[in-house]
């Protein structure tokens, strides 16, 4: 911004004269853009381009959060690319896999070490395309195979549980099943109807416990 400069001249007779002027230190400018979310990985790329800073660039910082109280705030340090842009990859795993609107801001630390807010934007993030299905493989309605697939985007999963109960009678026949990992990102468990003893529609919920203890 604008600086004031005042010069004070004290003469031999003790009187004081002043001269004033101003000078300006320009504010950095840049363009902030967000790419399309990779729905398999739960990530999106953020790019800072057209950067103008007369004193140079010490760092490009991008804070990202999805909660109103900023409880999941993460400061990303953008990396300089060969084309002069700066980029980061926003990973939902760094934000407790929260769905919804993500707020993204951009700060440039210039060659004087001054940090300036440049721009802000938002994007919508959705959970990775994890699927949950149930199959009566034998066609006898005795055993149903529950499968949670494509869950590898969640990163390090500590455990997966399936909560299963029939609509009839509410949750009086609720059973929690510990799922078994078959391969990367795939968890299964066999549900035996004789353990529930109810006809009609069944509910199946999958609960994923991540390495940090949070549950999805």
N, C-alpha and C. Protein backbone atom coordinates (compact mmCIF):
# COMPACT_ATOMS: atom_id res chain seq x y z
N UNK A 1 0.80 -1.20 0.00
CA UNK A 1 0.00 0.00 0.00
C UNK A 1 0.84 1.25 0.00
N UNK A 2 0.21 2.36 0.36
CA UNK A 2 0.85 3.67 0.32
C UNK A 2 1.59 3.96 1.62
N UNK A 3 2.79 4.49 1.48
CA UNK A 3 3.60 4.91 2.62
C UNK A 3 3.72 6.44 2.63
N UNK A 4 3.72 7.00 3.82
CA UNK A 4 3.99 8.42 4.01
C UNK A 4 5.44 8.63 4.43
N UNK A 5 6.07 9.68 3.92
CA UNK A 5 7.43 10.05 4.31
C UNK A 5 7.43 11.53 4.67
N UNK A 6 7.83 11.85 5.87
CA UNK A 6 7.94 13.23 6.33
C UNK A 6 9.40 13.51 6.68
N UNK A 7 9.92 14.60 6.17
CA UNK A 7 11.27 15.05 6.51
C UNK A 7 11.16 16.30 7.38
N UNK A 8 11.86 16.30 8.50
CA UNK A 8 11.83 17.43 9.42
C UNK A 8 13.22 18.08 9.46
N UNK A 9 13.27 19.33 9.09
CA UNK A 9 14.53 20.08 9.02
C UNK A 9 14.55 21.11 10.16
N UNK A 10 15.51 20.96 11.05
CA UNK A 10 15.66 21.94 12.13
C UNK A 10 16.78 22.91 11.76
N UNK A 11 16.44 24.17 11.63
CA UNK A 11 17.40 25.21 11.25
C UNK A 11 18.20 25.66 12.47
N UNK A 12 19.23 26.45 12.19
CA UNK A 12 20.12 26.91 13.26
C UNK A 12 19.38 27.77 14.28
N UNK A 13 18.34 28.45 13.81
CA UNK A 13 17.60 29.30 14.73
C UNK A 13 16.53 28.54 15.51
N UNK A 14 16.49 27.22 15.30
CA UNK A 14 15.56 26.38 16.04
C UNK A 14 14.22 26.14 15.36
N UNK A 15 13.97 26.86 14.26
CA UNK A 15 12.70 26.64 13.56
C UNK A 15 12.75 25.32 12.80
N UNK A 16 11.57 24.75 12.59
CA UNK A 16 11.48 23.44 11.94
C UNK A 16 10.70 23.57 10.63
N UNK A 17 11.24 23.01 9.58
CA UNK A 17 10.57 22.97 8.29
C UNK A 17 10.29 21.50 7.95
N UNK A 18 9.25 21.28 7.20
CA UNK A 18 8.91 19.89 6.81
C UNK A 18 8.73 19.77 5.31
N UNK A 19 9.03 18.60 4.84
CA UNK A 19 8.73 18.21 3.46
C UNK A 19 8.04 16.85 3.53
N UNK A 20 7.06 16.63 2.67
CA UNK A 20 6.34 15.35 2.68
C UNK A 20 6.26 14.77 1.28
N UNK A 21 6.20 13.45 1.23
CA UNK A 21 5.96 12.75 -0.03
C UNK A 21 5.39 11.37 0.30
N UNK A 22 5.08 10.64 -0.69
CA UNK A 22 4.58 9.28 -0.52
C UNK A 22 5.21 8.35 -1.54
N UNK A 23 5.16 7.07 -1.25
CA UNK A 23 5.53 6.06 -2.24
C UNK A 23 4.63 4.84 -2.06
N UNK A 24 4.59 3.99 -3.05
CA UNK A 24 3.67 2.86 -3.03
C UNK A 24 4.39 1.53 -3.18
N UNK A 25 3.98 0.56 -2.40
CA UNK A 25 4.44 -0.82 -2.54
C UNK A 25 3.27 -1.62 -3.08
N UNK A 26 3.41 -2.15 -4.28
CA UNK A 26 2.28 -2.78 -4.97
C UNK A 26 1.89 -4.10 -4.32
N UNK A 27 0.63 -4.40 -4.42
CA UNK A 27 0.05 -5.62 -3.86
C UNK A 27 0.19 -6.75 -4.88
N UNK A 28 0.66 -7.94 -4.47
CA UNK A 28 0.72 -9.06 -5.41
C UNK A 28 -0.68 -9.42 -5.93
N UNK A 29 -0.74 -9.93 -7.12
CA UNK A 29 -1.99 -10.39 -7.71
C UNK A 29 -1.79 -11.79 -8.29
N UNK A 30 -2.87 -12.54 -8.39
CA UNK A 30 -2.81 -13.89 -8.94
C UNK A 30 -4.21 -14.38 -9.24
N UNK A 31 -4.31 -15.47 -9.96
CA UNK A 31 -5.59 -16.11 -10.28
C UNK A 31 -5.66 -17.46 -9.60
N UNK A 32 -6.77 -17.73 -8.93
CA UNK A 32 -6.97 -18.98 -8.19
C UNK A 32 -8.04 -19.80 -8.87
N UNK A 33 -7.71 -21.02 -9.26
CA UNK A 33 -8.69 -21.89 -9.93
C UNK A 33 -8.67 -23.28 -9.29
N UNK A 34 -9.83 -23.94 -9.33
CA UNK A 34 -9.99 -25.29 -8.77
C UNK A 34 -10.39 -26.23 -9.88
N UNK A 35 -9.71 -27.37 -9.96
CA UNK A 35 -10.00 -28.35 -10.99
C UNK A 35 -11.18 -29.22 -10.63
N UNK A 36 -11.44 -30.21 -11.47
CA UNK A 36 -12.53 -31.15 -11.25
C UNK A 36 -12.10 -32.23 -10.26
N UNK A 37 -12.99 -32.57 -9.35
CA UNK A 37 -12.66 -33.58 -8.34
C UNK A 37 -12.46 -34.95 -8.97
N UNK A 38 -11.42 -35.63 -8.52
CA UNK A 38 -11.21 -37.04 -8.86
C UNK A 38 -12.07 -37.85 -7.90
N UNK A 39 -13.21 -38.35 -8.37
CA UNK A 39 -14.17 -39.01 -7.49
C UNK A 39 -13.71 -40.39 -7.03
N UNK A 40 -12.70 -40.93 -7.69
CA UNK A 40 -12.16 -42.21 -7.24
C UNK A 40 -11.23 -42.02 -6.05
N UNK A 41 -10.52 -40.89 -6.02
CA UNK A 41 -9.53 -40.65 -4.97
C UNK A 41 -10.00 -39.65 -3.93
N UNK A 42 -11.04 -38.88 -4.24
CA UNK A 42 -11.48 -37.85 -3.31
C UNK A 42 -10.51 -36.69 -3.23
N UNK A 43 -9.92 -36.33 -4.36
CA UNK A 43 -8.95 -35.24 -4.41
C UNK A 43 -9.32 -34.24 -5.50
N UNK A 44 -8.77 -33.06 -5.40
CA UNK A 44 -8.92 -32.06 -6.46
C UNK A 44 -7.68 -31.19 -6.48
N UNK A 45 -7.35 -30.66 -7.64
CA UNK A 45 -6.15 -29.85 -7.81
C UNK A 45 -6.50 -28.37 -7.80
N UNK A 46 -5.72 -27.59 -7.08
CA UNK A 46 -5.90 -26.14 -7.02
C UNK A 46 -4.66 -25.49 -7.63
N UNK A 47 -4.89 -24.53 -8.52
CA UNK A 47 -3.80 -23.88 -9.24
C UNK A 47 -3.81 -22.38 -9.00
N UNK A 48 -2.63 -21.82 -8.74
CA UNK A 48 -2.45 -20.37 -8.65
C UNK A 48 -1.61 -19.95 -9.84
N UNK A 49 -2.16 -19.10 -10.69
CA UNK A 49 -1.48 -18.70 -11.92
C UNK A 49 -1.50 -17.19 -12.07
N UNK A 50 -0.83 -16.71 -13.11
CA UNK A 50 -0.75 -15.27 -13.42
C UNK A 50 -0.28 -14.45 -12.21
N UNK A 51 0.70 -14.97 -11.52
CA UNK A 51 1.20 -14.30 -10.32
C UNK A 51 2.05 -13.09 -10.70
N UNK A 52 1.73 -11.95 -10.10
CA UNK A 52 2.50 -10.73 -10.28
C UNK A 52 2.94 -10.23 -8.90
N UNK A 53 4.26 -10.20 -8.68
CA UNK A 53 4.80 -9.71 -7.41
C UNK A 53 6.17 -9.11 -7.69
N UNK A 54 6.28 -7.80 -7.59
CA UNK A 54 7.52 -7.12 -7.96
C UNK A 54 8.69 -7.51 -7.07
N UNK A 55 8.42 -7.83 -5.81
CA UNK A 55 9.50 -8.20 -4.89
C UNK A 55 9.84 -9.68 -4.94
N UNK A 56 9.11 -10.43 -5.76
CA UNK A 56 9.34 -11.86 -5.86
C UNK A 56 8.36 -12.65 -5.00
N UNK A 57 8.55 -13.97 -4.94
CA UNK A 57 7.65 -14.86 -4.21
C UNK A 57 8.47 -15.74 -3.27
N UNK A 58 8.15 -15.66 -1.99
CA UNK A 58 8.80 -16.54 -1.01
C UNK A 58 8.00 -17.82 -0.82
N UNK A 59 6.66 -17.71 -0.85
CA UNK A 59 5.82 -18.89 -0.66
C UNK A 59 4.40 -18.57 -1.12
N UNK A 60 3.69 -19.64 -1.51
CA UNK A 60 2.27 -19.54 -1.83
C UNK A 60 1.55 -20.50 -0.90
N UNK A 61 0.70 -19.97 -0.05
CA UNK A 61 0.01 -20.75 0.97
C UNK A 61 -1.49 -20.78 0.67
N UNK A 62 -2.07 -21.97 0.82
CA UNK A 62 -3.49 -22.14 0.50
C UNK A 62 -4.19 -22.84 1.66
N UNK A 63 -4.92 -22.11 2.48
CA UNK A 63 -5.71 -22.74 3.54
C UNK A 63 -7.01 -23.29 2.98
N UNK A 64 -7.40 -24.48 3.45
CA UNK A 64 -8.61 -25.15 2.97
C UNK A 64 -9.37 -25.68 4.17
N UNK A 65 -10.69 -25.49 4.19
CA UNK A 65 -11.51 -26.03 5.26
C UNK A 65 -12.93 -26.25 4.76
N UNK A 66 -13.66 -27.13 5.45
CA UNK A 66 -15.03 -27.45 5.05
C UNK A 66 -16.04 -27.16 6.15
N UNK A 67 -15.56 -26.98 7.39
CA UNK A 67 -16.45 -26.75 8.52
C UNK A 67 -16.50 -25.27 8.87
N UNK A 68 -17.67 -24.80 9.31
CA UNK A 68 -17.83 -23.40 9.62
C UNK A 68 -16.91 -22.92 10.72
N UNK A 69 -16.55 -23.80 11.66
CA UNK A 69 -15.66 -23.43 12.75
C UNK A 69 -14.19 -23.69 12.41
N UNK A 70 -13.92 -24.05 11.17
CA UNK A 70 -12.57 -24.30 10.67
C UNK A 70 -11.85 -25.41 11.44
N UNK A 71 -12.61 -26.34 12.01
CA UNK A 71 -12.00 -27.43 12.78
C UNK A 71 -11.16 -28.35 11.91
N UNK A 72 -11.38 -28.35 10.62
CA UNK A 72 -10.60 -29.21 9.71
C UNK A 72 -9.67 -28.38 8.83
N UNK A 73 -9.32 -27.17 9.28
CA UNK A 73 -8.47 -26.28 8.50
C UNK A 73 -7.09 -26.89 8.28
N UNK A 74 -6.65 -26.89 7.03
CA UNK A 74 -5.31 -27.35 6.67
C UNK A 74 -4.65 -26.28 5.80
N UNK A 75 -3.43 -25.90 6.16
CA UNK A 75 -2.65 -24.98 5.34
C UNK A 75 -1.75 -25.79 4.40
N UNK A 76 -1.99 -25.67 3.13
CA UNK A 76 -1.18 -26.34 2.12
C UNK A 76 -0.14 -25.36 1.58
N UNK A 77 1.08 -25.83 1.39
CA UNK A 77 2.13 -25.03 0.74
C UNK A 77 2.19 -25.45 -0.72
N UNK A 78 1.85 -24.52 -1.61
CA UNK A 78 1.81 -24.83 -3.04
C UNK A 78 3.23 -25.01 -3.58
N UNK A 79 3.34 -25.89 -4.55
CA UNK A 79 4.62 -26.18 -5.16
C UNK A 79 4.74 -25.50 -6.52
N UNK A 80 5.91 -24.91 -6.76
CA UNK A 80 6.16 -24.22 -8.02
C UNK A 80 6.29 -25.22 -9.16
N UNK A 81 5.61 -24.94 -10.26
CA UNK A 81 5.65 -25.81 -11.43
C UNK A 81 6.55 -25.21 -12.51
N UNK A 82 6.91 -26.01 -13.48
CA UNK A 82 7.81 -25.56 -14.53
C UNK A 82 7.21 -24.44 -15.38
N UNK A 83 5.88 -24.36 -15.41
CA UNK A 83 5.24 -23.31 -16.20
C UNK A 83 5.01 -22.02 -15.40
N UNK A 84 5.55 -21.98 -14.17
CA UNK A 84 5.42 -20.77 -13.37
C UNK A 84 4.21 -20.74 -12.46
N UNK A 85 3.32 -21.70 -12.59
CA UNK A 85 2.16 -21.77 -11.70
C UNK A 85 2.54 -22.47 -10.40
N UNK A 86 1.65 -22.37 -9.42
CA UNK A 86 1.81 -23.07 -8.15
C UNK A 86 0.59 -23.96 -7.94
N UNK A 87 0.82 -25.18 -7.46
CA UNK A 87 -0.30 -26.12 -7.34
C UNK A 87 -0.27 -26.89 -6.02
N UNK A 88 -1.48 -27.28 -5.58
CA UNK A 88 -1.63 -28.20 -4.46
C UNK A 88 -2.69 -29.23 -4.85
N UNK A 89 -2.72 -30.33 -4.12
CA UNK A 89 -3.79 -31.32 -4.25
C UNK A 89 -4.55 -31.39 -2.94
N UNK A 90 -5.82 -31.00 -2.97
CA UNK A 90 -6.67 -31.08 -1.79
C UNK A 90 -7.17 -32.51 -1.66
N UNK A 91 -6.89 -33.13 -0.52
CA UNK A 91 -7.29 -34.52 -0.27
C UNK A 91 -8.34 -34.54 0.82
N UNK A 92 -9.52 -35.12 0.53
CA UNK A 92 -10.58 -35.20 1.52
C UNK A 92 -10.11 -35.93 2.78
N UNK A 93 -9.14 -36.80 2.64
CA UNK A 93 -8.61 -37.53 3.78
C UNK A 93 -7.98 -36.60 4.81
N UNK A 94 -7.52 -35.42 4.37
CA UNK A 94 -6.96 -34.44 5.29
C UNK A 94 -8.04 -33.65 6.01
N UNK A 95 -9.29 -33.85 5.60
CA UNK A 95 -10.40 -33.09 6.15
C UNK A 95 -11.51 -34.01 6.65
N UNK A 96 -11.08 -35.15 7.20
CA UNK A 96 -12.01 -36.13 7.80
C UNK A 96 -13.06 -36.63 6.81
N UNK A 97 -12.74 -36.57 5.53
CA UNK A 97 -13.65 -37.01 4.47
C UNK A 97 -15.01 -36.32 4.58
N UNK A 98 -14.99 -35.05 4.96
CA UNK A 98 -16.23 -34.28 5.02
C UNK A 98 -16.75 -34.00 3.62
N UNK A 99 -18.04 -34.23 3.43
CA UNK A 99 -18.68 -33.87 2.17
C UNK A 99 -19.19 -32.44 2.24
N UNK A 100 -19.39 -31.84 1.07
CA UNK A 100 -20.01 -30.52 1.02
C UNK A 100 -19.11 -29.47 0.43
N UNK A 101 -19.35 -28.22 0.82
CA UNK A 101 -18.62 -27.08 0.27
C UNK A 101 -17.29 -26.89 0.99
N UNK A 102 -16.21 -26.86 0.22
CA UNK A 102 -14.88 -26.58 0.74
C UNK A 102 -14.51 -25.13 0.40
N UNK A 103 -13.97 -24.43 1.37
CA UNK A 103 -13.53 -23.05 1.18
C UNK A 103 -12.03 -23.02 0.99
N UNK A 104 -11.61 -22.30 -0.03
CA UNK A 104 -10.20 -22.28 -0.42
C UNK A 104 -9.74 -20.83 -0.55
N UNK A 105 -8.65 -20.48 0.10
CA UNK A 105 -8.10 -19.14 0.01
C UNK A 105 -6.65 -19.22 -0.46
N UNK A 106 -6.14 -18.10 -0.90
CA UNK A 106 -4.76 -18.05 -1.38
C UNK A 106 -4.04 -16.87 -0.76
N UNK A 107 -2.86 -17.15 -0.18
CA UNK A 107 -2.01 -16.11 0.39
C UNK A 107 -0.63 -16.20 -0.27
N UNK A 108 -0.08 -15.05 -0.63
CA UNK A 108 1.26 -15.00 -1.19
C UNK A 108 2.18 -14.32 -0.19
N UNK A 109 3.29 -14.96 0.11
CA UNK A 109 4.34 -14.34 0.92
C UNK A 109 5.37 -13.81 -0.07
N UNK A 110 5.51 -12.49 -0.14
CA UNK A 110 6.38 -11.90 -1.17
C UNK A 110 7.83 -11.86 -0.73
N UNK A 111 8.67 -11.23 -1.54
CA UNK A 111 10.09 -11.17 -1.25
C UNK A 111 10.44 -10.35 -0.03
N UNK A 112 9.49 -9.54 0.46
CA UNK A 112 9.69 -8.78 1.69
C UNK A 112 9.22 -9.55 2.92
N UNK A 113 8.70 -10.74 2.71
CA UNK A 113 8.19 -11.53 3.82
C UNK A 113 6.79 -11.13 4.26
N UNK A 114 6.10 -10.31 3.45
CA UNK A 114 4.75 -9.87 3.77
C UNK A 114 3.75 -10.86 3.21
N UNK A 115 2.85 -11.35 4.06
CA UNK A 115 1.82 -12.30 3.64
C UNK A 115 0.54 -11.54 3.31
N UNK A 116 0.04 -11.77 2.10
CA UNK A 116 -1.12 -11.03 1.62
C UNK A 116 -2.18 -11.99 1.11
N UNK A 117 -3.42 -11.78 1.53
CA UNK A 117 -4.53 -12.55 0.99
C UNK A 117 -4.83 -12.09 -0.43
N UNK A 118 -4.87 -13.02 -1.35
CA UNK A 118 -5.01 -12.68 -2.76
C UNK A 118 -6.41 -12.96 -3.29
N UNK A 119 -6.92 -14.16 -3.02
CA UNK A 119 -8.20 -14.55 -3.60
C UNK A 119 -8.78 -15.69 -2.79
N UNK A 120 -10.06 -15.96 -3.00
CA UNK A 120 -10.71 -17.10 -2.35
C UNK A 120 -11.78 -17.64 -3.29
N UNK A 121 -12.13 -18.91 -3.07
CA UNK A 121 -13.15 -19.55 -3.88
C UNK A 121 -13.70 -20.74 -3.10
N UNK A 122 -14.63 -21.45 -3.69
CA UNK A 122 -15.20 -22.64 -3.06
C UNK A 122 -15.32 -23.74 -4.10
N UNK A 123 -15.47 -24.96 -3.62
CA UNK A 123 -15.78 -26.09 -4.49
C UNK A 123 -16.56 -27.11 -3.68
N UNK A 124 -17.29 -27.96 -4.35
CA UNK A 124 -18.05 -29.01 -3.68
C UNK A 124 -17.29 -30.32 -3.80
N UNK A 125 -17.12 -30.99 -2.67
CA UNK A 125 -16.42 -32.27 -2.65
C UNK A 125 -17.38 -33.36 -2.19
N UNK A 126 -17.35 -34.48 -2.89
CA UNK A 126 -18.19 -35.62 -2.54
C UNK A 126 -17.30 -36.81 -2.22
N UNK A 127 -17.85 -37.71 -1.42
CA UNK A 127 -17.09 -38.89 -1.05
C UNK A 127 -16.73 -39.71 -2.28
N UNK A 128 -15.61 -40.43 -2.21
CA UNK A 128 -15.22 -41.29 -3.32
C UNK A 128 -16.33 -42.28 -3.67
N UNK A 129 -16.28 -42.78 -4.90
CA UNK A 129 -17.32 -43.70 -5.38
C UNK A 129 -17.21 -45.07 -4.73
N UNK A 130 -17.34 -45.09 -3.43
CA UNK A 130 -17.38 -46.34 -2.68
C UNK A 130 -18.79 -46.94 -2.80
N UNK A 131 -18.85 -48.23 -3.05
CA UNK A 131 -20.17 -48.84 -3.22
C UNK A 131 -20.41 -49.90 -2.14
N UNK A 132 -21.69 -50.09 -1.83
CA UNK A 132 -22.11 -51.10 -0.87
C UNK A 132 -23.23 -51.91 -1.51
N UNK A 133 -23.00 -53.20 -1.68
CA UNK A 133 -24.06 -54.02 -2.27
C UNK A 133 -24.23 -55.34 -1.52
N UNK A 134 -25.36 -55.97 -1.77
CA UNK A 134 -25.71 -57.24 -1.12
C UNK A 134 -26.20 -58.21 -2.19
N UNK A 135 -25.69 -59.42 -2.16
CA UNK A 135 -26.09 -60.42 -3.15
C UNK A 135 -26.48 -61.73 -2.47
N UNK A 136 -27.56 -62.32 -2.99
CA UNK A 136 -27.97 -63.67 -2.59
C UNK A 136 -27.35 -64.61 -3.61
N UNK A 137 -26.11 -64.96 -3.39
CA UNK A 137 -25.33 -65.70 -4.39
C UNK A 137 -25.96 -67.04 -4.74
N UNK A 138 -26.45 -67.78 -3.76
CA UNK A 138 -27.02 -69.11 -4.00
C UNK A 138 -28.48 -69.05 -4.44
N UNK A 139 -29.11 -67.90 -4.25
CA UNK A 139 -30.52 -67.76 -4.63
C UNK A 139 -31.47 -68.45 -3.68
N UNK A 140 -31.02 -68.73 -2.47
CA UNK A 140 -31.86 -69.45 -1.49
C UNK A 140 -32.40 -68.54 -0.39
N UNK A 141 -31.98 -67.30 -0.37
CA UNK A 141 -32.35 -66.33 0.66
C UNK A 141 -31.98 -66.80 2.06
N UNK A 142 -30.94 -67.61 2.13
CA UNK A 142 -30.43 -68.05 3.43
C UNK A 142 -29.22 -67.22 3.86
N UNK A 143 -28.32 -66.97 2.89
CA UNK A 143 -27.10 -66.22 3.18
C UNK A 143 -26.93 -65.12 2.14
N UNK A 144 -26.65 -63.93 2.62
CA UNK A 144 -26.44 -62.78 1.74
C UNK A 144 -25.02 -62.26 1.91
N UNK A 145 -24.34 -62.06 0.80
CA UNK A 145 -22.97 -61.56 0.82
C UNK A 145 -22.98 -60.04 0.75
N UNK A 146 -22.51 -59.38 1.82
CA UNK A 146 -22.42 -57.92 1.86
C UNK A 146 -21.01 -57.51 1.45
N UNK A 147 -20.90 -56.56 0.52
CA UNK A 147 -19.59 -56.14 0.02
C UNK A 147 -19.49 -54.62 0.00
N UNK A 148 -18.43 -54.11 0.61
CA UNK A 148 -18.07 -52.70 0.51
C UNK A 148 -16.86 -52.63 -0.42
N UNK A 149 -17.00 -51.93 -1.53
CA UNK A 149 -15.92 -51.89 -2.51
C UNK A 149 -15.44 -50.49 -2.81
N UNK A 150 -14.24 -50.43 -3.40
CA UNK A 150 -13.61 -49.17 -3.80
C UNK A 150 -13.46 -48.21 -2.61
N UNK A 151 -13.08 -48.77 -1.47
CA UNK A 151 -12.91 -47.95 -0.27
C UNK A 151 -11.45 -47.53 -0.06
N UNK A 152 -10.57 -47.88 -0.99
CA UNK A 152 -9.14 -47.59 -0.82
C UNK A 152 -8.85 -46.10 -0.80
N UNK A 153 -9.75 -45.29 -1.40
CA UNK A 153 -9.54 -43.84 -1.40
C UNK A 153 -9.56 -43.26 0.00
N UNK A 154 -10.13 -43.99 0.97
CA UNK A 154 -10.17 -43.51 2.34
C UNK A 154 -8.81 -43.62 3.02
N UNK A 155 -7.86 -44.25 2.35
CA UNK A 155 -6.53 -44.37 2.92
C UNK A 155 -6.44 -45.56 3.86
N UNK A 156 -5.79 -45.37 5.00
CA UNK A 156 -5.53 -46.44 5.96
C UNK A 156 -6.78 -46.71 6.79
N UNK A 157 -7.45 -47.83 6.51
CA UNK A 157 -8.68 -48.20 7.21
C UNK A 157 -8.35 -49.19 8.32
N UNK A 158 -8.79 -48.84 9.54
CA UNK A 158 -8.53 -49.72 10.67
C UNK A 158 -9.49 -50.90 10.69
N UNK A 159 -10.77 -50.63 10.47
CA UNK A 159 -11.75 -51.71 10.45
C UNK A 159 -13.01 -51.25 9.72
N UNK A 160 -13.80 -52.22 9.26
CA UNK A 160 -15.10 -51.97 8.64
C UNK A 160 -16.12 -52.85 9.34
N UNK A 161 -17.26 -52.24 9.68
CA UNK A 161 -18.35 -52.97 10.32
C UNK A 161 -19.63 -52.77 9.52
N UNK A 162 -20.44 -53.83 9.45
CA UNK A 162 -21.75 -53.76 8.82
C UNK A 162 -22.82 -53.87 9.90
N UNK A 163 -23.70 -52.89 9.95
CA UNK A 163 -24.86 -52.97 10.85
C UNK A 163 -26.04 -53.44 10.01
N UNK A 164 -26.65 -54.55 10.41
CA UNK A 164 -27.74 -55.16 9.62
C UNK A 164 -28.95 -55.40 10.52
N UNK A 165 -30.11 -54.95 10.06
CA UNK A 165 -31.34 -55.22 10.79
C UNK A 165 -32.53 -55.18 9.84
N UNK A 166 -33.61 -55.83 10.22
CA UNK A 166 -34.80 -55.87 9.37
C UNK A 166 -35.73 -54.71 9.72
N UNK A 167 -36.49 -54.27 8.75
CA UNK A 167 -37.45 -53.19 8.96
C UNK A 167 -38.52 -53.62 9.96
N UNK A 168 -38.96 -54.87 9.83
CA UNK A 168 -39.98 -55.38 10.73
C UNK A 168 -39.45 -55.44 12.16
N UNK A 169 -40.15 -54.76 13.06
CA UNK A 169 -39.75 -54.78 14.47
C UNK A 169 -38.67 -53.79 14.81
N UNK A 170 -38.33 -52.91 13.88
CA UNK A 170 -37.28 -51.94 14.16
C UNK A 170 -35.92 -52.61 14.28
N UNK A 171 -35.12 -52.15 15.22
CA UNK A 171 -33.76 -52.68 15.38
C UNK A 171 -33.68 -53.78 16.44
N UNK A 172 -34.78 -54.49 16.63
CA UNK A 172 -34.76 -55.54 17.64
C UNK A 172 -33.89 -56.72 17.24
N UNK A 173 -33.54 -56.80 15.94
CA UNK A 173 -32.67 -57.89 15.48
C UNK A 173 -31.36 -57.34 14.91
N UNK A 174 -30.96 -56.15 15.36
CA UNK A 174 -29.72 -55.53 14.88
C UNK A 174 -28.51 -56.37 15.25
N UNK A 175 -27.67 -56.62 14.26
CA UNK A 175 -26.42 -57.34 14.48
C UNK A 175 -25.29 -56.54 13.82
N UNK A 176 -24.20 -56.37 14.58
CA UNK A 176 -23.00 -55.73 14.05
C UNK A 176 -22.04 -56.82 13.58
N UNK A 177 -21.64 -56.75 12.32
CA UNK A 177 -20.73 -57.73 11.74
C UNK A 177 -19.37 -57.06 11.48
N UNK A 178 -18.32 -57.73 11.91
CA UNK A 178 -16.98 -57.28 11.57
C UNK A 178 -16.63 -57.76 10.17
N UNK A 179 -16.42 -56.83 9.24
CA UNK A 179 -16.15 -57.20 7.85
C UNK A 179 -14.73 -57.73 7.69
N UNK A 180 -14.57 -58.55 6.68
CA UNK A 180 -13.27 -59.14 6.40
C UNK A 180 -12.69 -58.51 5.13
N UNK A 181 -11.43 -58.13 5.21
CA UNK A 181 -10.77 -57.52 4.05
C UNK A 181 -10.36 -58.59 3.06
N UNK A 182 -10.86 -58.49 1.83
CA UNK A 182 -10.55 -59.48 0.81
C UNK A 182 -9.39 -59.04 -0.06
N UNK A 183 -9.36 -57.76 -0.39
CA UNK A 183 -8.27 -57.17 -1.15
C UNK A 183 -8.30 -55.67 -0.89
N UNK A 184 -7.36 -54.96 -1.49
CA UNK A 184 -7.29 -53.52 -1.25
C UNK A 184 -8.62 -52.85 -1.60
N UNK A 185 -9.21 -52.21 -0.59
CA UNK A 185 -10.43 -51.46 -0.82
C UNK A 185 -11.71 -52.26 -0.83
N UNK A 186 -11.63 -53.57 -0.59
CA UNK A 186 -12.82 -54.41 -0.64
C UNK A 186 -12.98 -55.18 0.67
N UNK A 187 -14.17 -55.07 1.28
CA UNK A 187 -14.47 -55.71 2.56
C UNK A 187 -15.79 -56.46 2.42
N UNK A 188 -15.87 -57.69 2.96
CA UNK A 188 -17.08 -58.50 2.81
C UNK A 188 -17.45 -59.19 4.12
N UNK A 189 -18.72 -59.64 4.16
CA UNK A 189 -19.19 -60.44 5.28
C UNK A 189 -20.47 -61.16 4.84
N UNK A 190 -20.64 -62.38 5.33
CA UNK A 190 -21.84 -63.16 5.03
C UNK A 190 -22.86 -62.98 6.15
N UNK A 191 -24.08 -62.62 5.76
CA UNK A 191 -25.17 -62.44 6.72
C UNK A 191 -26.12 -63.63 6.60
N UNK A 192 -26.35 -64.31 7.72
CA UNK A 192 -27.25 -65.47 7.73
C UNK A 192 -28.61 -65.04 8.28
N UNK A 193 -29.65 -65.28 7.49
CA UNK A 193 -30.99 -64.83 7.86
C UNK A 193 -31.50 -65.57 9.10
N UNK A 194 -31.04 -66.77 9.32
CA UNK A 194 -31.50 -67.51 10.50
C UNK A 194 -31.11 -66.82 11.80
N UNK A 195 -30.08 -65.96 11.72
CA UNK A 195 -29.66 -65.22 12.91
C UNK A 195 -30.56 -64.02 13.18
N UNK A 196 -31.37 -63.66 12.17
CA UNK A 196 -32.28 -62.52 12.32
C UNK A 196 -33.74 -62.97 12.42
N UNK A 197 -34.09 -64.01 11.65
CA UNK A 197 -35.42 -64.66 11.72
C UNK A 197 -36.57 -63.70 11.40
N UNK A 198 -36.35 -62.86 10.39
CA UNK A 198 -37.40 -61.91 9.99
C UNK A 198 -37.48 -61.87 8.47
N UNK A 199 -38.71 -61.79 7.96
CA UNK A 199 -38.92 -61.66 6.52
C UNK A 199 -39.04 -60.18 6.16
N UNK A 200 -38.92 -59.90 4.87
CA UNK A 200 -39.12 -58.54 4.39
C UNK A 200 -37.82 -57.81 4.11
N UNK A 201 -37.86 -56.49 4.19
CA UNK A 201 -36.73 -55.64 3.83
C UNK A 201 -35.73 -55.53 4.98
N UNK A 202 -34.44 -55.56 4.61
CA UNK A 202 -33.36 -55.39 5.58
C UNK A 202 -32.58 -54.12 5.27
N UNK A 203 -32.09 -53.47 6.32
CA UNK A 203 -31.19 -52.33 6.18
C UNK A 203 -29.76 -52.77 6.40
N UNK A 204 -28.86 -52.20 5.63
CA UNK A 204 -27.43 -52.48 5.78
C UNK A 204 -26.67 -51.16 5.77
N UNK A 205 -25.93 -50.87 6.85
CA UNK A 205 -25.09 -49.68 6.94
C UNK A 205 -23.65 -50.11 7.11
N UNK A 206 -22.75 -49.47 6.39
CA UNK A 206 -21.32 -49.75 6.52
C UNK A 206 -20.65 -48.63 7.29
N UNK A 207 -19.85 -48.98 8.30
CA UNK A 207 -19.12 -48.01 9.11
C UNK A 207 -17.63 -48.26 8.93
N UNK A 208 -16.92 -47.23 8.48
CA UNK A 208 -15.49 -47.34 8.23
C UNK A 208 -14.75 -46.58 9.33
N UNK A 209 -13.89 -47.28 10.06
CA UNK A 209 -13.03 -46.63 11.07
C UNK A 209 -11.66 -46.39 10.47
N UNK A 210 -11.27 -45.12 10.40
CA UNK A 210 -9.99 -44.76 9.81
C UNK A 210 -8.87 -44.88 10.84
N UNK A 211 -7.65 -44.76 10.36
CA UNK A 211 -6.49 -44.93 11.25
C UNK A 211 -6.46 -43.89 12.36
N UNK A 212 -7.02 -42.69 12.11
CA UNK A 212 -7.03 -41.65 13.13
C UNK A 212 -8.19 -41.79 14.12
N UNK A 213 -8.99 -42.86 13.96
CA UNK A 213 -10.08 -43.13 14.88
C UNK A 213 -11.42 -42.56 14.47
N UNK A 214 -11.45 -41.71 13.44
CA UNK A 214 -12.71 -41.16 12.98
C UNK A 214 -13.51 -42.22 12.23
N UNK A 215 -14.84 -42.09 12.28
CA UNK A 215 -15.71 -43.10 11.69
C UNK A 215 -16.55 -42.45 10.59
N UNK A 216 -16.64 -43.17 9.48
CA UNK A 216 -17.46 -42.74 8.36
C UNK A 216 -18.52 -43.78 8.08
